[in-house]
Every structure is written in C-alpha cells, then in structure tokens.
Amino acid sequence: MNAIAPVAKIMEFGPSTEVLLAVLLGIGFGFFLEKGGFGNSRVLAGQWYGYNFAVLRVMFSAVVTAMLGLFGLAYAGVVNLDLVYVNETFLLPQIVGGVIFGFGFVIGQFCPGTAFVGAVTGKLDAMAYLGGFFGGVLLFGFGFPLVARFYESTSMGRVLLPEWLHVPAGVVVLAVVVVAVGAFVLTHVLDRKLGNAGAPEVSP
C-alpha cells in the first residue's frame, strides 16, 4: 500500500495551514502540560530530589508511544519514514548543547516548553526563566559568527540510531521499551522506599 503519512508532506498543506495546525497543537500540548502539573517548578524539581518522578514517567511514556506508533505505522506501510523530518546531527555541538540544557533544567527546573506554560499561568520564576531564555537566544544570534565553525562541526547528516548502530530498527525499539519499563519499575520501588504517596501538594 502507498503511505498516507506524514500528512503534511504527502498532502502538501500551504504555509498558513501548517502554521494554524502548529498553533493548535501547541495550545493542546501546553494545556496538557499544565494539567499534568508541569508548569510548576516544584513538581519538576521532584525529579531531582526524589519525591516526584512524574517527569521521567511522562517523558518515557511519550517517547515509547511515539516510537511504537511511528515504527509500527512505518512497518505497516502507512508512514513513509523518509519523509519524516529529523534534525541533522552535529555530534559535538549537540553534546555541548545538551550539557548546557541539562544544567539549565537542574538549576531553573524548567525547559522552554514548561517555562512557557508556567509563565502563561502567572509563575514568576517561569517568567524569569523565559527572560534568560530569550536573552540567550539573542546572545547566540548576535555572537553566532564566533561559534559558527564549532556549530557546524562533526556533521553526520540525517541519521537514526538503527543506521548509526547498524542494527535492525526493531532491536532499538525493543531496547528503548526495556529501558522505559525498567525506569518505571525502579521509580515505583523508589516511591515505596522513600515513602512517596504520590505528587506533593503544591500551591498554584
């Protein structure tokens, strides 16, 4: 059968339709982040202090759901994976960026998405975080010529883990599922050991 997805690539929506869909999806994503409590830095901090593992569980759930859905639909011939956009890999710059992002998350307890959610709902710490975020964007934009060479180094192009590891996609999918299940089991054990009865009560 001929693939019918990704819809935006195969049906060739116009730019205005794509922007509208992006806005609607973004609003929906933000709504569910807030409903899950992820607009509150104290909920996010629980990941690092061991009293709330919701971030790990939600992220693994999202990754596994998207991965199984995408590769399952590709195997069934519904999705053409070659048309699915994947950021090009620039190994060293992205490792450095990941480390910086990690430090920012641990210190500020927000990522850009959760910071926007927190700011929209009136969280002052999220607003301060967004101020730093936009300041960093401007600094990077104006200072890009100074780091352009490093930014474009160690290019690997569009690469997926199965290609990079030279193993079937099913092996990678299984490995990620096993790690996710292990993380769920481990955090439930930690909940019992630490006496976590669930997410702590936090004020808005």
N, C-alpha and C. Protein backbone atom coordinates (compact mmCIF):
# COMPACT_ATOMS: atom_id res chain seq x y z
N MET A 1 0.84 -1.19 0.00
CA MET A 1 0.00 0.00 0.00
C MET A 1 0.88 1.25 0.00
N ASN A 2 0.35 2.33 -0.55
CA ASN A 2 1.08 3.58 -0.55
C ASN A 2 0.92 4.29 0.79
N ALA A 3 2.03 4.84 1.28
CA ALA A 3 2.00 5.55 2.56
C ALA A 3 1.07 6.76 2.47
N ILE A 4 0.32 7.02 3.53
CA ILE A 4 -0.57 8.18 3.57
C ILE A 4 -0.12 9.20 4.62
N ALA A 5 1.04 8.98 5.20
CA ALA A 5 1.58 9.90 6.22
C ALA A 5 3.10 9.92 6.11
N PRO A 6 3.77 11.01 6.53
CA PRO A 6 3.21 12.18 7.21
C PRO A 6 2.31 13.02 6.31
N VAL A 7 1.14 13.34 6.85
CA VAL A 7 0.10 14.01 6.06
C VAL A 7 0.58 15.33 5.49
N ALA A 8 1.31 16.12 6.30
CA ALA A 8 1.75 17.44 5.85
C ALA A 8 2.67 17.36 4.64
N LYS A 9 3.44 16.28 4.53
CA LYS A 9 4.35 16.12 3.39
C LYS A 9 3.63 15.58 2.17
N ILE A 10 2.75 14.62 2.38
CA ILE A 10 2.11 13.95 1.26
C ILE A 10 0.99 14.81 0.67
N MET A 11 0.24 15.53 1.53
CA MET A 11 -0.86 16.37 1.04
C MET A 11 -0.40 17.78 0.70
N GLU A 12 0.83 18.14 1.13
CA GLU A 12 1.42 19.44 0.82
C GLU A 12 0.49 20.59 1.23
N PHE A 13 0.27 20.71 2.54
CA PHE A 13 -0.50 21.83 3.06
C PHE A 13 0.22 23.14 2.74
N GLY A 14 -0.54 24.20 2.63
CA GLY A 14 0.06 25.52 2.47
C GLY A 14 0.66 26.01 3.76
N PRO A 15 1.53 27.02 3.69
CA PRO A 15 2.18 27.55 4.91
C PRO A 15 1.18 28.02 5.96
N SER A 16 0.10 28.67 5.55
CA SER A 16 -0.87 29.19 6.52
C SER A 16 -1.55 28.05 7.28
N THR A 17 -1.85 26.96 6.57
CA THR A 17 -2.48 25.80 7.23
C THR A 17 -1.51 25.15 8.21
N GLU A 18 -0.25 25.05 7.81
CA GLU A 18 0.75 24.44 8.69
C GLU A 18 0.94 25.28 9.95
N VAL A 19 0.95 26.61 9.81
CA VAL A 19 1.08 27.48 10.98
C VAL A 19 -0.13 27.33 11.90
N LEU A 20 -1.33 27.28 11.31
CA LEU A 20 -2.53 27.12 12.11
C LEU A 20 -2.52 25.80 12.88
N LEU A 21 -2.13 24.72 12.21
CA LEU A 21 -2.04 23.42 12.87
C LEU A 21 -1.01 23.44 13.99
N ALA A 22 0.13 24.11 13.73
CA ALA A 22 1.18 24.20 14.76
C ALA A 22 0.67 24.94 15.99
N VAL A 23 -0.08 26.03 15.77
CA VAL A 23 -0.63 26.80 16.90
C VAL A 23 -1.61 25.95 17.70
N LEU A 24 -2.51 25.24 16.99
CA LEU A 24 -3.50 24.40 17.67
C LEU A 24 -2.82 23.27 18.46
N LEU A 25 -1.83 22.63 17.84
CA LEU A 25 -1.11 21.57 18.53
C LEU A 25 -0.35 22.11 19.73
N GLY A 26 0.24 23.30 19.57
CA GLY A 26 0.98 23.91 20.67
C GLY A 26 0.09 24.25 21.84
N ILE A 27 -1.10 24.78 21.56
CA ILE A 27 -2.04 25.08 22.63
C ILE A 27 -2.46 23.80 23.35
N GLY A 28 -2.75 22.76 22.58
CA GLY A 28 -3.13 21.49 23.19
C GLY A 28 -2.02 20.90 24.03
N PHE A 29 -0.78 20.98 23.52
CA PHE A 29 0.37 20.47 24.25
C PHE A 29 0.55 21.23 25.56
N GLY A 30 0.45 22.56 25.49
CA GLY A 30 0.60 23.37 26.70
C GLY A 30 -0.50 23.10 27.71
N PHE A 31 -1.73 22.90 27.22
CA PHE A 31 -2.86 22.61 28.11
C PHE A 31 -2.61 21.34 28.91
N PHE A 32 -2.15 20.29 28.23
CA PHE A 32 -1.94 19.02 28.92
C PHE A 32 -0.69 19.06 29.81
N LEU A 33 0.30 19.87 29.44
CA LEU A 33 1.44 20.06 30.34
C LEU A 33 0.97 20.69 31.65
N GLU A 34 0.14 21.70 31.55
CA GLU A 34 -0.36 22.37 32.75
C GLU A 34 -1.25 21.44 33.56
N LYS A 35 -2.11 20.67 32.89
CA LYS A 35 -2.98 19.74 33.61
C LYS A 35 -2.15 18.67 34.33
N GLY A 36 -0.98 18.35 33.78
CA GLY A 36 -0.12 17.37 34.42
C GLY A 36 0.74 17.96 35.53
N GLY A 37 0.64 19.28 35.74
CA GLY A 37 1.40 19.93 36.80
C GLY A 37 2.78 20.38 36.39
N PHE A 38 3.10 20.29 35.09
CA PHE A 38 4.45 20.60 34.65
C PHE A 38 4.73 22.09 34.46
N GLY A 39 3.74 22.92 34.77
CA GLY A 39 4.00 24.35 34.77
C GLY A 39 4.47 24.84 36.12
N ASN A 40 4.66 23.93 37.06
CA ASN A 40 5.08 24.27 38.42
C ASN A 40 6.48 23.73 38.67
N SER A 41 7.41 24.60 38.99
CA SER A 41 8.81 24.20 39.14
C SER A 41 9.02 23.21 40.28
N ARG A 42 8.13 23.24 41.30
CA ARG A 42 8.31 22.31 42.42
C ARG A 42 7.96 20.87 42.02
N VAL A 43 7.03 20.73 41.09
CA VAL A 43 6.74 19.40 40.56
C VAL A 43 7.94 18.89 39.76
N LEU A 44 8.52 19.76 38.94
CA LEU A 44 9.68 19.38 38.13
C LEU A 44 10.90 19.10 39.01
N ALA A 45 11.04 19.86 40.08
CA ALA A 45 12.18 19.66 40.99
C ALA A 45 12.11 18.31 41.68
N GLY A 46 10.91 17.76 41.81
CA GLY A 46 10.77 16.46 42.47
C GLY A 46 11.56 15.36 41.79
N GLN A 47 11.81 15.52 40.49
CA GLN A 47 12.62 14.53 39.77
C GLN A 47 14.01 14.44 40.36
N TRP A 48 14.59 15.59 40.68
CA TRP A 48 15.98 15.62 41.15
C TRP A 48 16.08 15.32 42.65
N TYR A 49 15.01 15.63 43.40
CA TYR A 49 15.04 15.43 44.84
C TYR A 49 14.36 14.14 45.29
N GLY A 50 13.79 13.40 44.35
CA GLY A 50 13.30 12.07 44.65
C GLY A 50 11.91 11.98 45.25
N TYR A 51 11.12 13.06 45.16
CA TYR A 51 9.77 12.97 45.73
C TYR A 51 8.68 12.95 44.66
N ASN A 52 9.05 13.07 43.39
CA ASN A 52 8.04 13.04 42.33
C ASN A 52 8.74 12.67 41.01
N PHE A 53 8.45 11.49 40.50
CA PHE A 53 9.10 11.01 39.28
C PHE A 53 8.19 11.14 38.06
N ALA A 54 7.24 12.07 38.13
CA ALA A 54 6.28 12.24 37.04
C ALA A 54 6.96 12.62 35.73
N VAL A 55 8.00 13.45 35.79
CA VAL A 55 8.68 13.90 34.57
C VAL A 55 9.27 12.70 33.83
N LEU A 56 9.99 11.86 34.53
CA LEU A 56 10.59 10.69 33.90
C LEU A 56 9.52 9.79 33.29
N ARG A 57 8.45 9.54 34.04
CA ARG A 57 7.41 8.63 33.56
C ARG A 57 6.68 9.19 32.35
N VAL A 58 6.37 10.48 32.40
CA VAL A 58 5.66 11.09 31.27
C VAL A 58 6.55 11.14 30.04
N MET A 59 7.81 11.50 30.22
CA MET A 59 8.71 11.57 29.06
C MET A 59 8.92 10.20 28.44
N PHE A 60 9.15 9.18 29.26
CA PHE A 60 9.32 7.84 28.71
C PHE A 60 8.03 7.36 28.04
N SER A 61 6.89 7.67 28.64
CA SER A 61 5.61 7.28 28.04
C SER A 61 5.44 7.92 26.67
N ALA A 62 5.79 9.21 26.58
CA ALA A 62 5.67 9.92 25.31
C ALA A 62 6.62 9.34 24.26
N VAL A 63 7.87 9.09 24.67
CA VAL A 63 8.86 8.56 23.74
C VAL A 63 8.44 7.19 23.23
N VAL A 64 8.04 6.31 24.15
CA VAL A 64 7.69 4.94 23.75
C VAL A 64 6.43 4.93 22.89
N THR A 65 5.43 5.75 23.26
CA THR A 65 4.20 5.80 22.48
C THR A 65 4.47 6.28 21.06
N ALA A 66 5.22 7.39 20.95
CA ALA A 66 5.53 7.94 19.63
C ALA A 66 6.38 6.96 18.82
N MET A 67 7.36 6.34 19.47
CA MET A 67 8.27 5.43 18.78
C MET A 67 7.53 4.20 18.27
N LEU A 68 6.74 3.56 19.14
CA LEU A 68 5.99 2.37 18.72
C LEU A 68 4.98 2.71 17.63
N GLY A 69 4.31 3.86 17.79
CA GLY A 69 3.34 4.27 16.79
C GLY A 69 3.99 4.54 15.45
N LEU A 70 5.11 5.28 15.47
CA LEU A 70 5.77 5.66 14.23
C LEU A 70 6.36 4.46 13.50
N PHE A 71 7.11 3.64 14.23
CA PHE A 71 7.74 2.49 13.58
C PHE A 71 6.71 1.41 13.23
N GLY A 72 5.66 1.29 14.04
CA GLY A 72 4.61 0.34 13.71
C GLY A 72 3.87 0.74 12.44
N LEU A 73 3.53 2.03 12.32
CA LEU A 73 2.85 2.51 11.12
C LEU A 73 3.76 2.45 9.90
N ALA A 74 5.07 2.69 10.13
CA ALA A 74 6.01 2.57 9.01
C ALA A 74 6.10 1.12 8.54
N TYR A 75 6.13 0.19 9.48
CA TYR A 75 6.18 -1.23 9.13
C TYR A 75 4.92 -1.66 8.38
N ALA A 76 3.79 -1.04 8.75
CA ALA A 76 2.53 -1.36 8.08
C ALA A 76 2.38 -0.64 6.74
N GLY A 77 3.33 0.23 6.43
CA GLY A 77 3.28 0.94 5.15
C GLY A 77 2.45 2.20 5.17
N VAL A 78 2.01 2.63 6.35
CA VAL A 78 1.17 3.83 6.45
C VAL A 78 2.01 5.09 6.45
N VAL A 79 3.17 5.05 7.12
CA VAL A 79 4.05 6.21 7.22
C VAL A 79 5.32 5.97 6.41
N ASN A 80 5.70 6.97 5.66
CA ASN A 80 6.98 6.94 4.94
C ASN A 80 8.03 7.63 5.81
N LEU A 81 8.86 6.85 6.46
CA LEU A 81 9.84 7.42 7.38
C LEU A 81 10.83 8.35 6.70
N ASP A 82 11.06 8.15 5.42
CA ASP A 82 11.99 9.02 4.70
C ASP A 82 11.48 10.45 4.62
N LEU A 83 10.17 10.64 4.76
CA LEU A 83 9.59 11.98 4.70
C LEU A 83 9.41 12.61 6.08
N VAL A 84 9.68 11.86 7.13
CA VAL A 84 9.57 12.39 8.49
C VAL A 84 10.81 13.24 8.78
N TYR A 85 10.57 14.49 9.19
CA TYR A 85 11.69 15.39 9.42
C TYR A 85 12.49 14.97 10.64
N VAL A 86 13.78 14.86 10.47
CA VAL A 86 14.70 14.56 11.57
C VAL A 86 15.83 15.58 11.52
N ASN A 87 16.07 16.25 12.64
CA ASN A 87 17.18 17.21 12.68
C ASN A 87 18.49 16.54 12.29
N GLU A 88 19.30 17.25 11.54
CA GLU A 88 20.63 16.73 11.24
C GLU A 88 21.45 16.66 12.52
N THR A 89 22.35 15.70 12.56
CA THR A 89 23.19 15.51 13.75
C THR A 89 24.53 16.20 13.58
N PHE A 90 24.85 17.07 14.53
CA PHE A 90 26.18 17.68 14.65
C PHE A 90 26.68 17.26 16.02
N LEU A 91 27.43 16.18 16.09
CA LEU A 91 27.64 15.44 17.32
C LEU A 91 28.18 16.29 18.48
N LEU A 92 29.34 16.88 18.32
CA LEU A 92 29.95 17.61 19.44
C LEU A 92 29.15 18.85 19.85
N PRO A 93 28.70 19.69 18.90
CA PRO A 93 27.90 20.84 19.32
C PRO A 93 26.63 20.44 20.07
N GLN A 94 26.01 19.34 19.64
CA GLN A 94 24.77 18.92 20.30
C GLN A 94 25.05 18.30 21.67
N ILE A 95 26.19 17.67 21.84
CA ILE A 95 26.56 17.19 23.18
C ILE A 95 26.76 18.37 24.12
N VAL A 96 27.48 19.39 23.65
CA VAL A 96 27.70 20.59 24.47
C VAL A 96 26.37 21.27 24.77
N GLY A 97 25.50 21.39 23.75
CA GLY A 97 24.20 22.00 23.96
C GLY A 97 23.36 21.21 24.95
N GLY A 98 23.45 19.88 24.89
CA GLY A 98 22.71 19.03 25.83
C GLY A 98 23.17 19.22 27.26
N VAL A 99 24.48 19.37 27.44
CA VAL A 99 25.02 19.59 28.79
C VAL A 99 24.54 20.94 29.34
N ILE A 100 24.60 21.98 28.50
CA ILE A 100 24.13 23.31 28.92
C ILE A 100 22.65 23.27 29.25
N PHE A 101 21.88 22.60 28.39
CA PHE A 101 20.44 22.47 28.64
C PHE A 101 20.18 21.74 29.95
N GLY A 102 20.95 20.67 30.20
CA GLY A 102 20.78 19.91 31.43
C GLY A 102 21.04 20.73 32.66
N PHE A 103 22.13 21.51 32.64
CA PHE A 103 22.42 22.38 33.78
C PHE A 103 21.31 23.41 33.97
N GLY A 104 20.81 23.96 32.86
CA GLY A 104 19.72 24.94 32.96
C GLY A 104 18.47 24.34 33.55
N PHE A 105 18.17 23.09 33.17
CA PHE A 105 16.98 22.41 33.69
C PHE A 105 17.12 22.16 35.19
N VAL A 106 18.29 21.68 35.60
CA VAL A 106 18.50 21.38 37.02
C VAL A 106 18.45 22.65 37.86
N ILE A 107 19.05 23.72 37.35
CA ILE A 107 19.11 24.96 38.13
C ILE A 107 17.77 25.68 38.15
N GLY A 108 17.13 25.78 36.98
CA GLY A 108 15.89 26.55 36.88
C GLY A 108 14.62 25.73 37.01
N GLN A 109 14.74 24.39 36.89
CA GLN A 109 13.60 23.47 36.99
C GLN A 109 12.59 23.65 35.86
N PHE A 110 13.01 24.25 34.76
CA PHE A 110 12.13 24.40 33.61
C PHE A 110 12.89 24.06 32.34
N CYS A 111 12.16 23.54 31.35
CA CYS A 111 12.64 23.52 29.98
C CYS A 111 11.85 24.61 29.26
N PRO A 112 12.18 24.95 28.02
CA PRO A 112 11.44 26.03 27.35
C PRO A 112 9.93 25.81 27.32
N GLY A 113 9.49 24.57 27.03
CA GLY A 113 8.05 24.31 26.96
C GLY A 113 7.35 24.52 28.28
N THR A 114 7.87 23.93 29.34
CA THR A 114 7.23 24.08 30.65
C THR A 114 7.35 25.51 31.18
N ALA A 115 8.42 26.22 30.77
CA ALA A 115 8.57 27.61 31.20
C ALA A 115 7.47 28.47 30.58
N PHE A 116 7.14 28.25 29.32
CA PHE A 116 6.05 28.99 28.69
C PHE A 116 4.73 28.70 29.39
N VAL A 117 4.50 27.43 29.71
CA VAL A 117 3.26 27.06 30.41
C VAL A 117 3.20 27.75 31.77
N GLY A 118 4.31 27.71 32.51
CA GLY A 118 4.34 28.36 33.81
C GLY A 118 4.15 29.86 33.71
N ALA A 119 4.76 30.48 32.70
CA ALA A 119 4.64 31.94 32.54
C ALA A 119 3.21 32.34 32.20
N VAL A 120 2.56 31.56 31.34
CA VAL A 120 1.18 31.86 30.95
C VAL A 120 0.24 31.79 32.15
N THR A 121 0.56 30.90 33.09
CA THR A 121 -0.30 30.76 34.28
C THR A 121 0.18 31.63 35.45
N GLY A 122 1.10 32.55 35.17
CA GLY A 122 1.46 33.57 36.16
C GLY A 122 2.60 33.23 37.09
N LYS A 123 3.40 32.19 36.79
CA LYS A 123 4.52 31.83 37.65
C LYS A 123 5.69 32.79 37.42
N LEU A 124 6.10 33.50 38.45
CA LEU A 124 7.17 34.49 38.31
C LEU A 124 8.52 33.83 37.98
N ASP A 125 8.79 32.66 38.58
CA ASP A 125 10.06 32.00 38.29
C ASP A 125 10.12 31.57 36.82
N ALA A 126 8.97 31.16 36.27
CA ALA A 126 8.95 30.79 34.86
C ALA A 126 9.18 32.01 33.96
N MET A 127 8.62 33.15 34.37
CA MET A 127 8.84 34.38 33.60
C MET A 127 10.31 34.77 33.61
N ALA A 128 10.94 34.65 34.78
CA ALA A 128 12.37 34.95 34.87
C ALA A 128 13.18 34.00 34.00
N TYR A 129 12.78 32.73 34.00
CA TYR A 129 13.47 31.73 33.17
C TYR A 129 13.34 32.09 31.70
N LEU A 130 12.14 32.50 31.28
CA LEU A 130 11.94 32.88 29.88
C LEU A 130 12.76 34.10 29.52
N GLY A 131 12.93 35.03 30.48
CA GLY A 131 13.78 36.18 30.22
C GLY A 131 15.20 35.75 29.90
N GLY A 132 15.71 34.79 30.69
CA GLY A 132 17.04 34.25 30.40
C GLY A 132 17.08 33.50 29.09
N PHE A 133 16.01 32.79 28.77
CA PHE A 133 15.92 32.03 27.52
C PHE A 133 16.03 32.97 26.31
N PHE A 134 15.22 34.03 26.32
CA PHE A 134 15.25 34.96 25.18
C PHE A 134 16.58 35.73 25.14
N GLY A 135 17.12 36.03 26.33
CA GLY A 135 18.43 36.67 26.35
C GLY A 135 19.49 35.78 25.73
N GLY A 136 19.44 34.48 26.04
CA GLY A 136 20.39 33.54 25.45
C GLY A 136 20.22 33.42 23.95
N VAL A 137 18.97 33.44 23.48
CA VAL A 137 18.71 33.38 22.03
C VAL A 137 19.33 34.58 21.33
N LEU A 138 19.12 35.77 21.90
CA LEU A 138 19.69 36.99 21.30
C LEU A 138 21.21 36.96 21.32
N LEU A 139 21.78 36.53 22.46
CA LEU A 139 23.23 36.46 22.58
C LEU A 139 23.81 35.50 21.55
N PHE A 140 23.16 34.34 21.40
CA PHE A 140 23.64 33.37 20.43
C PHE A 140 23.51 33.90 19.01
N GLY A 141 22.38 34.58 18.73
CA GLY A 141 22.17 35.11 17.39
C GLY A 141 23.23 36.13 17.00
N PHE A 142 23.50 37.09 17.90
CA PHE A 142 24.48 38.12 17.59
C PHE A 142 25.91 37.58 17.63
N GLY A 143 26.14 36.56 18.46
CA GLY A 143 27.50 36.04 18.58
C GLY A 143 27.77 34.83 17.70
N PHE A 144 26.81 34.48 16.82
CA PHE A 144 26.94 33.26 16.03
C PHE A 144 28.23 33.21 15.21
N PRO A 145 28.65 34.30 14.59
CA PRO A 145 29.90 34.22 13.81
C PRO A 145 31.09 33.69 14.62
N LEU A 146 31.08 33.92 15.92
CA LEU A 146 32.19 33.49 16.77
C LEU A 146 32.18 31.98 17.00
N VAL A 147 31.01 31.37 16.90
CA VAL A 147 30.91 29.93 17.18
C VAL A 147 30.46 29.13 15.96
N ALA A 148 30.34 29.79 14.81
CA ALA A 148 29.80 29.13 13.62
C ALA A 148 30.60 27.89 13.23
N ARG A 149 31.91 28.00 13.32
CA ARG A 149 32.75 26.86 12.91
C ARG A 149 32.49 25.64 13.78
N PHE A 150 32.42 25.87 15.10
CA PHE A 150 32.13 24.75 16.00
C PHE A 150 30.70 24.26 15.82
N TYR A 151 29.76 25.19 15.63
CA TYR A 151 28.35 24.85 15.48
C TYR A 151 28.13 23.89 14.31
N GLU A 152 28.89 24.04 13.25
CA GLU A 152 28.72 23.23 12.05
C GLU A 152 29.70 22.06 11.98
N SER A 153 30.41 21.80 13.05
CA SER A 153 31.41 20.73 13.04
C SER A 153 30.78 19.37 13.32
N THR A 154 31.54 18.33 13.06
CA THR A 154 31.14 16.92 13.30
C THR A 154 29.75 16.61 12.76
N SER A 155 29.49 17.07 11.53
CA SER A 155 28.19 16.82 10.91
C SER A 155 28.07 15.36 10.51
N MET A 156 26.93 14.76 10.86
CA MET A 156 26.64 13.38 10.49
C MET A 156 25.42 13.27 9.58
N GLY A 157 24.82 14.42 9.24
CA GLY A 157 23.63 14.42 8.40
C GLY A 157 22.42 13.88 9.14
N ARG A 158 21.43 13.43 8.37
CA ARG A 158 20.21 12.84 8.95
C ARG A 158 20.50 11.39 9.29
N VAL A 159 20.58 11.10 10.56
CA VAL A 159 20.95 9.75 10.97
C VAL A 159 20.02 9.27 12.09
N LEU A 160 19.58 8.02 11.99
CA LEU A 160 18.76 7.39 13.02
C LEU A 160 19.61 6.35 13.75
N LEU A 161 19.23 6.03 14.98
CA LEU A 161 20.01 5.08 15.78
C LEU A 161 20.22 3.73 15.09
N PRO A 162 19.19 3.14 14.48
CA PRO A 162 19.44 1.85 13.81
C PRO A 162 20.51 1.93 12.73
N GLU A 163 20.53 3.05 11.99
CA GLU A 163 21.54 3.23 10.95
C GLU A 163 22.92 3.41 11.57
N TRP A 164 22.96 4.20 12.63
CA TRP A 164 24.25 4.50 13.26
C TRP A 164 24.85 3.27 13.93
N LEU A 165 23.98 2.46 14.55
CA LEU A 165 24.44 1.26 15.25
C LEU A 165 24.51 0.04 14.34
N HIS A 166 24.00 0.19 13.11
CA HIS A 166 23.99 -0.92 12.14
C HIS A 166 23.23 -2.13 12.69
N VAL A 167 22.06 -1.87 13.24
CA VAL A 167 21.20 -2.94 13.75
C VAL A 167 19.78 -2.69 13.22
N PRO A 168 18.94 -3.72 13.18
CA PRO A 168 17.55 -3.52 12.76
C PRO A 168 16.82 -2.55 13.68
N ALA A 169 15.85 -1.83 13.12
CA ALA A 169 15.09 -0.87 13.91
C ALA A 169 14.40 -1.54 15.10
N GLY A 170 13.95 -2.78 14.90
CA GLY A 170 13.26 -3.49 15.98
C GLY A 170 14.12 -3.68 17.21
N VAL A 171 15.43 -3.83 17.02
CA VAL A 171 16.34 -4.01 18.16
C VAL A 171 16.38 -2.74 19.00
N VAL A 172 16.46 -1.59 18.33
CA VAL A 172 16.50 -0.31 19.04
C VAL A 172 15.16 -0.07 19.75
N VAL A 173 14.06 -0.35 19.06
CA VAL A 173 12.73 -0.17 19.66
C VAL A 173 12.60 -1.03 20.92
N LEU A 174 13.00 -2.29 20.83
CA LEU A 174 12.93 -3.19 21.98
C LEU A 174 13.79 -2.68 23.13
N ALA A 175 15.00 -2.21 22.81
CA ALA A 175 15.92 -1.73 23.84
C ALA A 175 15.33 -0.53 24.58
N VAL A 176 14.72 0.39 23.83
CA VAL A 176 14.13 1.57 24.47
C VAL A 176 12.95 1.17 25.35
N VAL A 177 12.12 0.24 24.88
CA VAL A 177 10.99 -0.22 25.68
C VAL A 177 11.47 -0.87 26.97
N VAL A 178 12.53 -1.70 26.88
CA VAL A 178 13.07 -2.36 28.07
C VAL A 178 13.59 -1.32 29.07
N VAL A 179 14.30 -0.30 28.57
CA VAL A 179 14.81 0.75 29.45
C VAL A 179 13.65 1.50 30.10
N ALA A 180 12.60 1.80 29.32
CA ALA A 180 11.45 2.52 29.86
C ALA A 180 10.75 1.71 30.94
N VAL A 181 10.51 0.43 30.68
CA VAL A 181 9.87 -0.42 31.68
C VAL A 181 10.73 -0.51 32.94
N GLY A 182 12.06 -0.63 32.75
CA GLY A 182 12.96 -0.66 33.89
C GLY A 182 12.90 0.61 34.70
N ALA A 183 12.77 1.76 34.01
CA ALA A 183 12.68 3.04 34.71
C ALA A 183 11.39 3.14 35.50
N PHE A 184 10.29 2.65 34.92
CA PHE A 184 9.02 2.66 35.63
C PHE A 184 9.11 1.79 36.89
N VAL A 185 9.67 0.60 36.76
CA VAL A 185 9.79 -0.30 37.91
C VAL A 185 10.68 0.33 38.99
N LEU A 186 11.82 0.87 38.57
CA LEU A 186 12.76 1.47 39.51
C LEU A 186 12.12 2.62 40.28
N THR A 187 11.41 3.51 39.57
CA THR A 187 10.82 4.66 40.26
C THR A 187 9.69 4.25 41.20
N HIS A 188 8.96 3.20 40.85
CA HIS A 188 7.93 2.71 41.77
C HIS A 188 8.56 2.10 43.03
N VAL A 189 9.68 1.41 42.85
CA VAL A 189 10.40 0.87 44.01
C VAL A 189 10.90 2.02 44.88
N LEU A 190 11.46 3.07 44.24
CA LEU A 190 11.94 4.23 44.99
C LEU A 190 10.79 4.93 45.71
N ASP A 191 9.63 5.00 45.06
CA ASP A 191 8.46 5.60 45.73
C ASP A 191 8.16 4.89 47.04
N ARG A 192 8.20 3.56 47.00
CA ARG A 192 7.91 2.79 48.23
C ARG A 192 9.01 2.98 49.27
N LYS A 193 10.26 2.96 48.82
CA LYS A 193 11.38 3.11 49.75
C LYS A 193 11.39 4.49 50.40
N LEU A 194 11.05 5.51 49.60
CA LEU A 194 11.11 6.90 50.11
C LEU A 194 9.81 7.33 50.74
N GLY A 195 8.79 6.46 50.67
CA GLY A 195 7.51 6.81 51.26
C GLY A 195 6.73 7.82 50.47
N ASN A 196 6.96 7.86 49.15
CA ASN A 196 6.20 8.81 48.32
C ASN A 196 4.80 8.28 48.09
N ALA A 197 3.81 9.02 48.53
CA ALA A 197 2.43 8.60 48.33
C ALA A 197 1.87 9.12 47.02
N GLY A 198 2.67 9.87 46.30
CA GLY A 198 2.21 10.50 45.05
C GLY A 198 2.78 11.89 44.95
N ALA A 199 2.27 12.66 44.04
CA ALA A 199 2.75 14.02 43.86
C ALA A 199 2.43 14.85 45.09
N PRO A 200 3.36 15.68 45.55
CA PRO A 200 3.11 16.51 46.73
C PRO A 200 2.12 17.60 46.41
N GLU A 201 1.45 18.09 47.45
CA GLU A 201 0.56 19.23 47.26
C GLU A 201 1.40 20.47 47.02
N VAL A 202 1.07 21.20 45.96
CA VAL A 202 1.80 22.43 45.66
C VAL A 202 0.78 23.52 45.38
N SER A 203 1.11 24.73 45.81
CA SER A 203 0.20 25.84 45.56
C SER A 203 0.39 26.32 44.13
N PRO A 204 -0.61 26.98 43.56
CA PRO A 204 -0.52 27.46 42.18
C PRO A 204 0.60 28.46 42.02
